N, C-alpha and C. Protein backbone atom coordinates (compact mmCIF):
# COMPACT_ATOMS: atom_id res chain seq x y z
N MET A 1 0.89 -1.16 0.01
CA MET A 1 0.04 -0.03 0.00
C MET A 1 0.92 1.22 0.01
N ARG A 2 0.62 2.18 -0.93
CA ARG A 2 1.32 3.44 -1.00
C ARG A 2 0.32 4.50 -0.52
N LEU A 3 0.84 5.42 0.36
CA LEU A 3 0.07 6.55 0.77
C LEU A 3 0.67 7.78 0.20
N TYR A 4 -0.19 8.55 -0.42
CA TYR A 4 0.15 9.89 -0.97
C TYR A 4 -0.28 10.89 0.09
N HIS A 5 0.72 11.61 0.56
CA HIS A 5 0.57 12.41 1.87
C HIS A 5 1.08 13.76 1.67
N VAL A 6 0.46 14.73 2.28
CA VAL A 6 0.98 16.09 2.53
C VAL A 6 0.87 16.42 4.01
N PRO A 7 1.98 16.83 4.61
CA PRO A 7 1.91 17.12 6.02
C PRO A 7 0.91 18.13 6.47
N ARG A 8 0.34 17.92 7.66
CA ARG A 8 -0.68 18.86 8.29
C ARG A 8 -1.98 18.82 7.45
N THR A 9 -2.27 17.59 6.97
CA THR A 9 -3.61 17.38 6.31
C THR A 9 -4.19 16.16 6.97
N ARG A 10 -5.41 15.84 6.43
CA ARG A 10 -6.16 14.69 6.95
C ARG A 10 -5.41 13.33 6.68
N SER A 11 -4.38 13.37 5.88
CA SER A 11 -3.68 12.10 5.61
C SER A 11 -2.95 11.60 6.81
N ILE A 12 -2.74 12.49 7.88
CA ILE A 12 -2.10 12.01 9.06
C ILE A 12 -2.92 10.91 9.66
N ARG A 13 -4.20 10.94 9.54
CA ARG A 13 -5.02 9.91 9.97
C ARG A 13 -4.76 8.55 9.47
N VAL A 14 -4.50 8.54 8.13
CA VAL A 14 -4.26 7.26 7.47
C VAL A 14 -2.91 6.69 7.95
N LEU A 15 -1.94 7.64 7.97
CA LEU A 15 -0.64 7.16 8.57
C LEU A 15 -0.77 6.61 9.96
N TRP A 16 -1.55 7.25 10.78
CA TRP A 16 -1.72 6.75 12.18
C TRP A 16 -2.45 5.39 12.14
N ALA A 17 -3.40 5.24 11.31
CA ALA A 17 -4.11 3.95 11.22
C ALA A 17 -3.14 2.83 10.72
N LEU A 18 -2.32 3.22 9.73
CA LEU A 18 -1.34 2.20 9.17
C LEU A 18 -0.40 1.81 10.35
N GLU A 19 0.09 2.77 11.14
CA GLU A 19 1.00 2.49 12.26
C GLU A 19 0.35 1.66 13.26
N GLU A 20 -0.94 1.93 13.64
CA GLU A 20 -1.72 1.11 14.63
C GLU A 20 -1.83 -0.32 14.11
N ALA A 21 -2.06 -0.41 12.83
CA ALA A 21 -2.32 -1.81 12.27
C ALA A 21 -1.01 -2.61 12.07
N GLY A 22 0.10 -1.86 12.19
CA GLY A 22 1.33 -2.53 11.94
C GLY A 22 1.43 -2.90 10.42
N ALA A 23 0.84 -2.16 9.62
CA ALA A 23 0.76 -2.50 8.18
C ALA A 23 2.07 -1.99 7.48
N PRO A 24 2.50 -2.82 6.46
CA PRO A 24 3.64 -2.29 5.68
C PRO A 24 3.08 -1.28 4.66
N TYR A 25 3.80 -0.16 4.44
CA TYR A 25 3.32 0.85 3.51
C TYR A 25 4.54 1.60 3.02
N GLU A 26 4.32 2.25 1.86
CA GLU A 26 5.22 3.16 1.28
C GLU A 26 4.67 4.51 1.32
N LEU A 27 5.47 5.56 1.61
CA LEU A 27 4.94 6.91 1.79
C LEU A 27 5.52 7.77 0.69
N THR A 28 4.62 8.44 -0.06
CA THR A 28 5.03 9.47 -0.98
C THR A 28 4.52 10.75 -0.54
N VAL A 29 5.49 11.67 -0.12
CA VAL A 29 5.17 12.97 0.39
C VAL A 29 5.07 13.91 -0.81
N LEU A 30 3.96 14.50 -1.04
CA LEU A 30 3.75 15.50 -2.09
C LEU A 30 3.95 16.95 -1.59
N GLN A 31 4.48 17.79 -2.45
CA GLN A 31 4.56 19.16 -2.19
C GLN A 31 3.17 19.65 -2.47
N PRO A 32 2.69 20.67 -1.73
CA PRO A 32 1.29 21.16 -1.94
C PRO A 32 0.91 21.48 -3.41
N ASP A 33 1.92 22.01 -4.17
CA ASP A 33 1.57 22.34 -5.64
C ASP A 33 1.42 21.06 -6.45
N GLU A 34 2.03 19.95 -6.03
CA GLU A 34 1.93 18.67 -6.75
C GLU A 34 0.52 18.11 -6.75
N ARG A 35 -0.26 18.55 -5.85
CA ARG A 35 -1.64 17.98 -5.64
C ARG A 35 -2.46 18.28 -6.98
N HIS A 36 -2.10 19.33 -7.60
CA HIS A 36 -2.89 19.68 -8.83
C HIS A 36 -2.33 19.23 -10.14
N SER A 37 -1.22 18.44 -10.03
CA SER A 37 -0.62 17.94 -11.27
C SER A 37 -1.57 16.92 -11.92
N ASP A 38 -1.34 16.76 -13.20
CA ASP A 38 -2.17 15.77 -13.95
C ASP A 38 -2.03 14.39 -13.32
N GLU A 39 -0.81 14.11 -12.97
CA GLU A 39 -0.59 12.73 -12.27
C GLU A 39 -1.35 12.56 -11.01
N HIS A 40 -1.46 13.60 -10.09
CA HIS A 40 -2.22 13.40 -8.86
C HIS A 40 -3.70 13.45 -9.16
N LEU A 41 -4.03 14.29 -10.13
CA LEU A 41 -5.54 14.41 -10.41
C LEU A 41 -6.11 13.07 -10.95
N ARG A 42 -5.24 12.17 -11.48
CA ARG A 42 -5.67 10.87 -11.80
C ARG A 42 -5.87 10.00 -10.60
N ARG A 43 -5.16 10.34 -9.49
CA ARG A 43 -5.44 9.64 -8.26
C ARG A 43 -6.64 10.14 -7.50
N HIS A 44 -6.76 11.41 -7.44
CA HIS A 44 -7.86 12.07 -6.78
C HIS A 44 -8.42 13.21 -7.69
N PRO A 45 -9.64 13.15 -8.12
CA PRO A 45 -10.08 14.13 -9.13
C PRO A 45 -10.10 15.58 -8.64
N LEU A 46 -10.15 15.75 -7.23
CA LEU A 46 -10.10 17.06 -6.74
C LEU A 46 -8.65 17.52 -6.26
N GLY A 47 -7.74 16.61 -6.53
CA GLY A 47 -6.32 17.02 -6.14
C GLY A 47 -6.05 17.04 -4.63
N ARG A 48 -6.76 16.15 -3.90
CA ARG A 48 -6.63 16.19 -2.39
C ARG A 48 -5.78 14.97 -1.92
N VAL A 49 -5.48 14.96 -0.69
CA VAL A 49 -4.85 13.90 -0.03
C VAL A 49 -5.68 13.58 1.21
N PRO A 50 -5.73 12.40 1.77
CA PRO A 50 -4.88 11.24 1.36
C PRO A 50 -5.47 10.51 0.20
N VAL A 51 -4.55 9.78 -0.46
CA VAL A 51 -4.94 8.77 -1.45
C VAL A 51 -4.02 7.50 -1.18
N ILE A 52 -4.63 6.39 -1.21
CA ILE A 52 -3.79 5.19 -1.10
C ILE A 52 -3.80 4.51 -2.47
N GLU A 53 -2.74 3.85 -2.85
CA GLU A 53 -2.70 3.00 -4.04
C GLU A 53 -2.33 1.62 -3.70
N GLU A 54 -3.14 0.70 -4.21
CA GLU A 54 -3.00 -0.72 -3.95
C GLU A 54 -2.99 -1.40 -5.31
N ASP A 55 -2.89 -2.73 -5.35
CA ASP A 55 -2.90 -3.48 -6.59
C ASP A 55 -4.16 -3.17 -7.43
N GLY A 56 -5.33 -2.97 -6.75
CA GLY A 56 -6.56 -2.78 -7.48
C GLY A 56 -6.72 -1.30 -7.94
N GLY A 57 -5.94 -0.37 -7.43
CA GLY A 57 -6.07 1.01 -7.89
C GLY A 57 -6.06 1.96 -6.73
N PHE A 58 -6.60 3.10 -6.90
CA PHE A 58 -6.65 4.11 -5.88
C PHE A 58 -7.84 4.19 -5.04
N VAL A 59 -7.70 4.61 -3.80
CA VAL A 59 -8.83 4.95 -2.90
C VAL A 59 -8.49 6.30 -2.21
N PHE A 60 -9.59 7.18 -2.16
CA PHE A 60 -9.39 8.41 -1.47
C PHE A 60 -10.54 8.60 -0.47
N GLU A 61 -10.42 9.57 0.43
CA GLU A 61 -11.21 9.94 1.58
C GLU A 61 -10.68 9.18 2.87
N SER A 62 -10.22 10.01 3.76
CA SER A 62 -9.59 9.54 4.95
C SER A 62 -10.36 8.57 5.74
N GLY A 63 -11.64 8.80 5.98
CA GLY A 63 -12.46 7.90 6.65
C GLY A 63 -12.60 6.57 6.06
N ALA A 64 -12.82 6.59 4.74
CA ALA A 64 -13.00 5.34 4.04
C ALA A 64 -11.65 4.49 4.02
N ILE A 65 -10.56 5.25 3.94
CA ILE A 65 -9.25 4.57 3.94
C ILE A 65 -9.02 3.99 5.31
N CYS A 66 -9.24 4.74 6.38
CA CYS A 66 -9.16 4.16 7.73
C CYS A 66 -9.97 2.95 8.01
N LEU A 67 -11.20 2.98 7.52
CA LEU A 67 -12.06 1.79 7.67
C LEU A 67 -11.53 0.58 6.82
N HIS A 68 -10.98 0.89 5.65
CA HIS A 68 -10.41 -0.12 4.82
C HIS A 68 -9.20 -0.77 5.50
N ILE A 69 -8.32 0.07 6.11
CA ILE A 69 -7.20 -0.54 6.85
C ILE A 69 -7.64 -1.36 7.96
N ALA A 70 -8.64 -1.05 8.72
CA ALA A 70 -9.22 -1.85 9.80
C ALA A 70 -9.65 -3.21 9.16
N ASP A 71 -10.26 -3.21 8.00
CA ASP A 71 -10.75 -4.48 7.38
C ASP A 71 -9.57 -5.32 6.89
N ALA A 72 -8.58 -4.60 6.32
CA ALA A 72 -7.42 -5.30 5.70
C ALA A 72 -6.50 -5.92 6.79
N TYR A 73 -6.54 -5.46 7.95
CA TYR A 73 -5.63 -5.94 9.04
C TYR A 73 -6.49 -6.27 10.28
N PRO A 74 -7.25 -7.31 10.19
CA PRO A 74 -8.19 -7.63 11.28
C PRO A 74 -7.49 -7.96 12.58
N ALA A 75 -6.30 -8.48 12.54
CA ALA A 75 -5.52 -8.86 13.80
C ALA A 75 -5.30 -7.66 14.62
N ALA A 76 -5.32 -6.49 14.03
CA ALA A 76 -5.06 -5.23 14.79
C ALA A 76 -6.20 -4.74 15.61
N ALA A 77 -7.45 -5.41 15.31
CA ALA A 77 -8.69 -5.09 15.98
C ALA A 77 -9.08 -3.64 16.13
N LEU A 78 -8.98 -3.02 14.92
CA LEU A 78 -9.31 -1.52 14.89
C LEU A 78 -10.72 -1.34 14.61
N ALA A 79 -11.51 -2.34 14.41
CA ALA A 79 -12.92 -2.25 14.23
C ALA A 79 -13.60 -3.58 14.80
N GLY A 80 -14.81 -3.58 15.26
CA GLY A 80 -15.43 -4.80 15.71
C GLY A 80 -15.60 -5.79 14.58
N PRO A 81 -16.03 -7.07 14.95
CA PRO A 81 -16.31 -8.01 13.95
C PRO A 81 -17.38 -7.57 12.94
N LEU A 82 -17.22 -8.01 11.73
CA LEU A 82 -18.15 -7.72 10.67
C LEU A 82 -19.61 -8.07 11.12
N GLY A 83 -20.52 -7.10 10.97
CA GLY A 83 -21.87 -7.31 11.24
C GLY A 83 -22.27 -7.10 12.79
N SER A 84 -21.17 -6.76 13.58
CA SER A 84 -21.47 -6.61 15.05
C SER A 84 -21.90 -5.17 15.35
N HIS A 85 -22.49 -5.01 16.47
CA HIS A 85 -22.91 -3.69 16.96
C HIS A 85 -21.73 -2.79 17.19
N GLU A 86 -20.62 -3.42 17.65
CA GLU A 86 -19.31 -2.59 17.89
C GLU A 86 -18.84 -2.05 16.52
N ARG A 87 -18.96 -2.84 15.54
CA ARG A 87 -18.49 -2.28 14.21
C ARG A 87 -19.44 -1.22 13.71
N ALA A 88 -20.69 -1.31 13.93
CA ALA A 88 -21.62 -0.24 13.58
C ALA A 88 -21.30 0.98 14.35
N LEU A 89 -20.85 0.93 15.59
CA LEU A 89 -20.54 2.06 16.37
C LEU A 89 -19.23 2.71 15.86
N VAL A 90 -18.30 1.90 15.37
CA VAL A 90 -17.09 2.41 14.74
C VAL A 90 -17.42 3.21 13.54
N TYR A 91 -18.37 2.67 12.66
CA TYR A 91 -18.84 3.44 11.52
C TYR A 91 -19.48 4.75 11.98
N GLN A 92 -20.36 4.59 13.00
CA GLN A 92 -21.04 5.86 13.49
C GLN A 92 -20.10 6.94 13.86
N TRP A 93 -19.12 6.64 14.63
CA TRP A 93 -18.18 7.64 15.09
C TRP A 93 -17.28 8.12 13.98
N VAL A 94 -16.91 7.37 13.00
CA VAL A 94 -16.08 7.83 11.93
C VAL A 94 -16.84 8.90 11.17
N PHE A 95 -18.11 8.50 10.77
CA PHE A 95 -18.93 9.46 10.06
C PHE A 95 -19.30 10.68 10.85
N PHE A 96 -19.57 10.53 12.17
CA PHE A 96 -19.81 11.62 13.01
C PHE A 96 -18.73 12.68 13.02
N GLY A 97 -17.45 12.12 13.07
CA GLY A 97 -16.39 13.07 13.12
C GLY A 97 -16.26 13.82 11.81
N ILE A 98 -16.54 13.07 10.68
CA ILE A 98 -16.40 13.78 9.38
C ILE A 98 -17.57 14.74 9.13
N ALA A 99 -18.76 14.26 9.53
CA ALA A 99 -20.01 15.06 9.07
C ALA A 99 -20.37 16.04 10.18
N GLU A 100 -20.06 15.84 11.42
CA GLU A 100 -20.57 16.73 12.53
C GLU A 100 -19.48 17.59 13.17
N LEU A 101 -18.31 17.09 13.34
CA LEU A 101 -17.22 17.80 13.89
C LEU A 101 -16.46 18.70 12.88
N GLU A 102 -16.13 18.14 11.77
CA GLU A 102 -15.31 18.85 10.91
C GLU A 102 -15.93 20.06 10.22
N PRO A 103 -17.11 19.96 9.66
CA PRO A 103 -17.69 21.15 8.97
C PRO A 103 -17.79 22.36 9.80
N PRO A 104 -18.31 22.33 11.03
CA PRO A 104 -18.46 23.60 11.77
C PRO A 104 -17.04 24.13 12.15
N PHE A 105 -16.11 23.23 12.42
CA PHE A 105 -14.76 23.73 12.73
C PHE A 105 -14.14 24.42 11.52
N LEU A 106 -14.27 23.81 10.33
CA LEU A 106 -13.74 24.46 9.10
C LEU A 106 -14.37 25.84 8.80
N ASP A 107 -15.79 25.94 9.08
CA ASP A 107 -16.47 27.13 8.96
C ASP A 107 -15.89 28.21 9.98
N PHE A 108 -15.67 27.76 11.15
CA PHE A 108 -15.09 28.66 12.27
C PHE A 108 -13.74 29.14 11.77
N ARG A 109 -12.90 28.28 11.35
CA ARG A 109 -11.51 28.61 10.99
C ARG A 109 -11.55 29.62 9.81
N ARG A 110 -12.39 29.44 8.87
CA ARG A 110 -12.43 30.29 7.75
C ARG A 110 -12.93 31.71 8.06
N SER A 111 -13.92 31.78 9.06
CA SER A 111 -14.56 33.04 9.29
C SER A 111 -14.12 33.79 10.56
N LYS A 112 -13.30 33.15 11.34
CA LYS A 112 -12.97 33.74 12.64
C LYS A 112 -12.30 35.14 12.53
N GLU A 113 -11.51 35.42 11.45
CA GLU A 113 -10.92 36.67 11.29
C GLU A 113 -11.70 37.70 10.46
N THR A 114 -12.75 37.23 9.75
CA THR A 114 -13.47 38.05 8.82
C THR A 114 -14.92 38.25 9.09
N ASP A 115 -15.59 37.30 9.87
CA ASP A 115 -17.02 37.40 10.10
C ASP A 115 -17.29 36.84 11.44
N ALA A 116 -17.37 37.72 12.43
CA ALA A 116 -17.58 37.33 13.81
C ALA A 116 -18.88 36.59 14.09
N SER A 117 -19.98 36.98 13.30
CA SER A 117 -21.20 36.33 13.45
C SER A 117 -21.19 34.86 12.95
N ALA A 118 -20.58 34.76 11.74
CA ALA A 118 -20.44 33.35 11.22
C ALA A 118 -19.61 32.53 12.09
N ALA A 119 -18.47 33.13 12.62
CA ALA A 119 -17.60 32.31 13.47
C ALA A 119 -18.33 31.84 14.76
N ALA A 120 -19.15 32.73 15.30
CA ALA A 120 -19.87 32.35 16.48
C ALA A 120 -20.85 31.26 16.26
N THR A 121 -21.62 31.31 15.15
CA THR A 121 -22.55 30.34 14.73
C THR A 121 -21.84 29.01 14.55
N ALA A 122 -20.69 29.03 13.87
CA ALA A 122 -19.94 27.79 13.69
C ALA A 122 -19.42 27.18 14.97
N ARG A 123 -18.99 28.06 15.84
CA ARG A 123 -18.48 27.66 17.22
C ARG A 123 -19.57 26.89 17.90
N GLU A 124 -20.85 27.43 17.86
CA GLU A 124 -21.86 26.90 18.52
C GLU A 124 -22.29 25.53 17.99
N ARG A 125 -22.18 25.42 16.60
CA ARG A 125 -22.46 24.06 15.97
C ARG A 125 -21.43 23.14 16.39
N PHE A 126 -20.14 23.54 16.39
CA PHE A 126 -19.06 22.62 16.78
C PHE A 126 -19.28 22.19 18.23
N HIS A 127 -19.56 23.14 19.13
CA HIS A 127 -19.82 22.76 20.50
C HIS A 127 -20.85 21.75 20.81
N ALA A 128 -21.93 21.90 20.04
CA ALA A 128 -23.09 21.00 20.16
C ALA A 128 -22.65 19.50 19.83
N ALA A 129 -21.86 19.44 18.75
CA ALA A 129 -21.30 18.08 18.35
C ALA A 129 -20.24 17.64 19.31
N ALA A 130 -19.36 18.50 19.82
CA ALA A 130 -18.34 18.04 20.76
C ALA A 130 -18.91 17.56 22.07
N VAL A 131 -20.03 18.21 22.44
CA VAL A 131 -20.62 17.81 23.72
C VAL A 131 -21.10 16.34 23.59
N VAL A 132 -21.54 15.88 22.41
CA VAL A 132 -21.89 14.52 22.23
C VAL A 132 -20.71 13.55 22.52
N VAL A 133 -19.60 13.96 22.04
CA VAL A 133 -18.36 13.22 22.27
C VAL A 133 -17.98 13.28 23.74
N GLU A 134 -18.03 14.39 24.38
CA GLU A 134 -17.75 14.56 25.75
C GLU A 134 -18.57 13.59 26.58
N HIS A 135 -19.82 13.51 26.33
CA HIS A 135 -20.70 12.57 27.09
C HIS A 135 -20.46 11.13 26.72
N ALA A 136 -20.15 10.83 25.53
CA ALA A 136 -19.75 9.44 25.18
C ALA A 136 -18.52 8.94 25.89
N LEU A 137 -17.55 9.85 26.20
CA LEU A 137 -16.35 9.51 26.80
C LEU A 137 -16.46 9.39 28.29
N ASP A 138 -17.52 9.92 28.90
CA ASP A 138 -17.67 9.93 30.33
C ASP A 138 -17.57 8.48 30.87
N GLY A 139 -16.50 8.25 31.60
CA GLY A 139 -16.33 6.87 32.12
C GLY A 139 -15.66 5.90 31.22
N HIS A 140 -15.26 6.37 30.03
CA HIS A 140 -14.58 5.53 29.01
C HIS A 140 -13.34 6.13 28.55
N GLU A 141 -12.39 5.34 28.16
CA GLU A 141 -11.10 5.78 27.60
C GLU A 141 -11.19 6.05 26.11
N PHE A 142 -12.07 5.26 25.47
CA PHE A 142 -12.22 5.29 24.01
C PHE A 142 -13.66 5.41 23.62
N LEU A 143 -13.99 5.60 22.36
CA LEU A 143 -15.35 5.81 21.86
C LEU A 143 -16.15 4.55 21.78
N VAL A 144 -15.43 3.37 21.44
CA VAL A 144 -16.22 2.16 21.23
C VAL A 144 -15.61 1.06 21.99
N GLY A 145 -16.44 0.40 22.81
CA GLY A 145 -16.05 -0.87 23.42
C GLY A 145 -14.85 -0.76 24.36
N ASP A 146 -14.55 0.42 24.89
CA ASP A 146 -13.46 0.62 25.79
C ASP A 146 -12.15 0.13 25.24
N ARG A 147 -11.98 0.12 23.89
CA ARG A 147 -10.63 -0.08 23.30
C ARG A 147 -10.52 0.70 22.10
N PHE A 148 -9.27 0.97 21.72
CA PHE A 148 -8.92 1.81 20.65
C PHE A 148 -9.44 1.26 19.28
N THR A 149 -10.02 2.10 18.45
CA THR A 149 -10.46 1.70 17.13
C THR A 149 -10.13 2.88 16.14
N VAL A 150 -10.49 2.67 14.90
CA VAL A 150 -10.24 3.72 13.95
C VAL A 150 -11.28 4.86 14.23
N ALA A 151 -12.29 4.63 14.92
CA ALA A 151 -13.19 5.78 15.35
C ALA A 151 -12.31 6.77 16.16
N ASP A 152 -11.40 6.27 16.95
CA ASP A 152 -10.51 7.20 17.78
C ASP A 152 -9.52 7.85 16.89
N VAL A 153 -9.08 7.16 15.86
CA VAL A 153 -8.12 7.84 14.92
C VAL A 153 -8.80 9.02 14.33
N VAL A 154 -9.95 8.86 13.74
CA VAL A 154 -10.73 9.92 13.03
C VAL A 154 -11.13 11.05 13.95
N CYS A 155 -11.86 10.72 15.00
CA CYS A 155 -12.40 11.75 15.89
C CYS A 155 -11.23 12.36 16.72
N GLY A 156 -10.40 11.50 17.23
CA GLY A 156 -9.36 11.94 18.10
C GLY A 156 -8.29 12.90 17.41
N GLU A 157 -7.89 12.51 16.18
CA GLU A 157 -7.04 13.38 15.48
C GLU A 157 -7.61 14.72 15.25
N PHE A 158 -8.89 14.73 14.91
CA PHE A 158 -9.53 15.98 14.63
C PHE A 158 -9.69 16.80 15.84
N LEU A 159 -10.13 16.18 16.96
CA LEU A 159 -10.31 16.95 18.25
C LEU A 159 -8.97 17.49 18.72
N GLY A 160 -7.97 16.87 18.41
CA GLY A 160 -6.60 17.37 18.80
C GLY A 160 -6.35 18.67 18.11
N VAL A 161 -6.76 18.73 16.89
CA VAL A 161 -6.56 20.01 15.97
C VAL A 161 -7.43 21.08 16.64
N THR A 162 -8.65 20.86 16.92
CA THR A 162 -9.61 21.87 17.30
C THR A 162 -9.24 22.37 18.80
N GLY A 163 -8.56 21.52 19.52
CA GLY A 163 -8.12 21.93 20.89
C GLY A 163 -7.10 23.14 20.78
N HIS A 164 -6.31 23.20 19.64
CA HIS A 164 -5.45 24.26 19.48
C HIS A 164 -6.14 25.64 19.30
N PHE A 165 -7.38 25.58 18.97
CA PHE A 165 -8.18 26.78 18.79
C PHE A 165 -9.02 27.06 20.00
N GLY A 166 -8.94 26.38 20.99
CA GLY A 166 -9.74 26.63 22.28
C GLY A 166 -11.07 26.05 22.25
N LEU A 167 -11.42 25.25 21.22
CA LEU A 167 -12.80 24.96 20.97
C LEU A 167 -13.28 23.86 21.93
N THR A 168 -12.26 23.08 22.58
CA THR A 168 -12.66 22.05 23.52
C THR A 168 -12.32 22.39 24.93
N ASP A 169 -12.06 23.71 25.10
CA ASP A 169 -11.81 24.16 26.54
C ASP A 169 -13.02 23.85 27.35
N GLY A 170 -12.88 23.55 28.51
CA GLY A 170 -14.00 23.17 29.42
C GLY A 170 -14.68 21.85 29.17
N MET A 171 -13.95 20.92 28.40
CA MET A 171 -14.48 19.65 28.09
C MET A 171 -13.42 18.65 28.58
N PRO A 172 -13.32 18.37 29.87
CA PRO A 172 -12.28 17.61 30.45
C PRO A 172 -12.13 16.19 29.85
N GLU A 173 -13.27 15.54 29.52
CA GLU A 173 -13.11 14.21 28.99
C GLU A 173 -12.41 14.25 27.64
N ILE A 174 -12.75 15.24 26.78
CA ILE A 174 -12.04 15.33 25.46
C ILE A 174 -10.71 15.62 25.66
N VAL A 175 -10.29 16.62 26.50
CA VAL A 175 -8.92 17.04 26.80
C VAL A 175 -8.11 15.83 27.20
N ALA A 176 -8.61 15.06 28.14
CA ALA A 176 -7.93 13.75 28.60
C ALA A 176 -7.77 12.78 27.51
N TYR A 177 -8.85 12.64 26.73
CA TYR A 177 -8.83 11.70 25.59
C TYR A 177 -7.81 12.03 24.57
N VAL A 178 -7.70 13.25 24.22
CA VAL A 178 -6.68 13.64 23.23
C VAL A 178 -5.34 13.44 23.80
N GLU A 179 -5.07 13.68 25.03
CA GLU A 179 -3.78 13.47 25.63
C GLU A 179 -3.42 11.97 25.57
N ARG A 180 -4.35 11.14 25.86
CA ARG A 180 -4.18 9.64 25.81
C ARG A 180 -3.83 9.23 24.43
N LEU A 181 -4.55 9.79 23.41
CA LEU A 181 -4.34 9.37 22.03
C LEU A 181 -2.98 9.90 21.56
N GLU A 182 -2.59 11.17 21.92
CA GLU A 182 -1.33 11.63 21.41
C GLU A 182 -0.12 10.97 22.09
N ALA A 183 -0.34 10.31 23.08
CA ALA A 183 0.73 9.51 23.78
C ALA A 183 0.95 8.20 23.20
N ARG A 184 0.02 7.68 22.34
CA ARG A 184 0.14 6.33 21.81
C ARG A 184 1.38 6.29 20.83
N PRO A 185 2.22 5.22 21.04
CA PRO A 185 3.47 5.11 20.16
C PRO A 185 3.09 5.20 18.68
N ALA A 186 2.04 4.62 18.24
CA ALA A 186 1.70 4.64 16.85
C ALA A 186 1.43 6.12 16.30
N ARG A 187 0.79 6.80 17.17
CA ARG A 187 0.49 8.18 16.85
C ARG A 187 1.78 9.02 16.73
N GLN A 188 2.70 8.76 17.69
CA GLN A 188 3.98 9.52 17.71
C GLN A 188 4.79 9.05 16.45
N ARG A 189 4.77 7.77 16.15
CA ARG A 189 5.51 7.40 14.88
C ARG A 189 4.91 8.05 13.57
N ALA A 190 3.60 8.15 13.52
CA ALA A 190 2.91 8.77 12.42
C ALA A 190 3.39 10.25 12.31
N GLU A 191 3.40 10.81 13.38
CA GLU A 191 3.79 12.33 13.44
C GLU A 191 5.27 12.46 12.93
N ALA A 192 6.16 11.51 13.45
CA ALA A 192 7.56 11.63 13.11
C ALA A 192 7.74 11.37 11.55
N VAL A 193 7.04 10.29 11.07
CA VAL A 193 7.12 9.97 9.64
C VAL A 193 6.46 11.02 8.73
N GLY A 194 5.27 11.48 9.20
CA GLY A 194 4.43 12.39 8.32
C GLY A 194 4.81 13.80 8.41
N GLY A 195 5.68 14.18 9.29
CA GLY A 195 6.10 15.62 9.32
C GLY A 195 4.92 16.59 9.65
N SER A 196 3.92 16.15 10.39
CA SER A 196 2.94 17.14 10.77
C SER A 196 3.29 17.90 11.94
């Protein structure tokens, strides 16, 4: 598996999942301007990362790739058994992170310097979603089944980013969760390799 990566992007999630899975991979670090080359546009039609390349072709979208890694390396136990409620919860949290946590944060980041009203609305939307995670973590170290899964890769990586903007201040469960995740050896290896 080859990962096409740009530092400080969502592809750090995929690197982290690969490291957690103990999966062999090759890393191709792209310069930001290379993302719009004809060659990369054949990998991802919008010129984004991450993209993985396997024998069967290319796959893009970080959540999909993380779930695929969990499927491809079942011994790593990064998702529950196929058809189980635990696996359904992993899907739930991966999609929740991408659909409910990311969009309001991105809106907040885009508008915080130029449109205070839009930034405040985005902050409120993010807070409502983050509270769901805060409650889910109450009494638990991880989001699903009290063990680490790709749900934690997707949600935890993103919550770590939002914490730098003060958006999770006053949420002790999330703060402690992010600290636990960032201390994981696989996370630290991904950071070292990925240059984020």
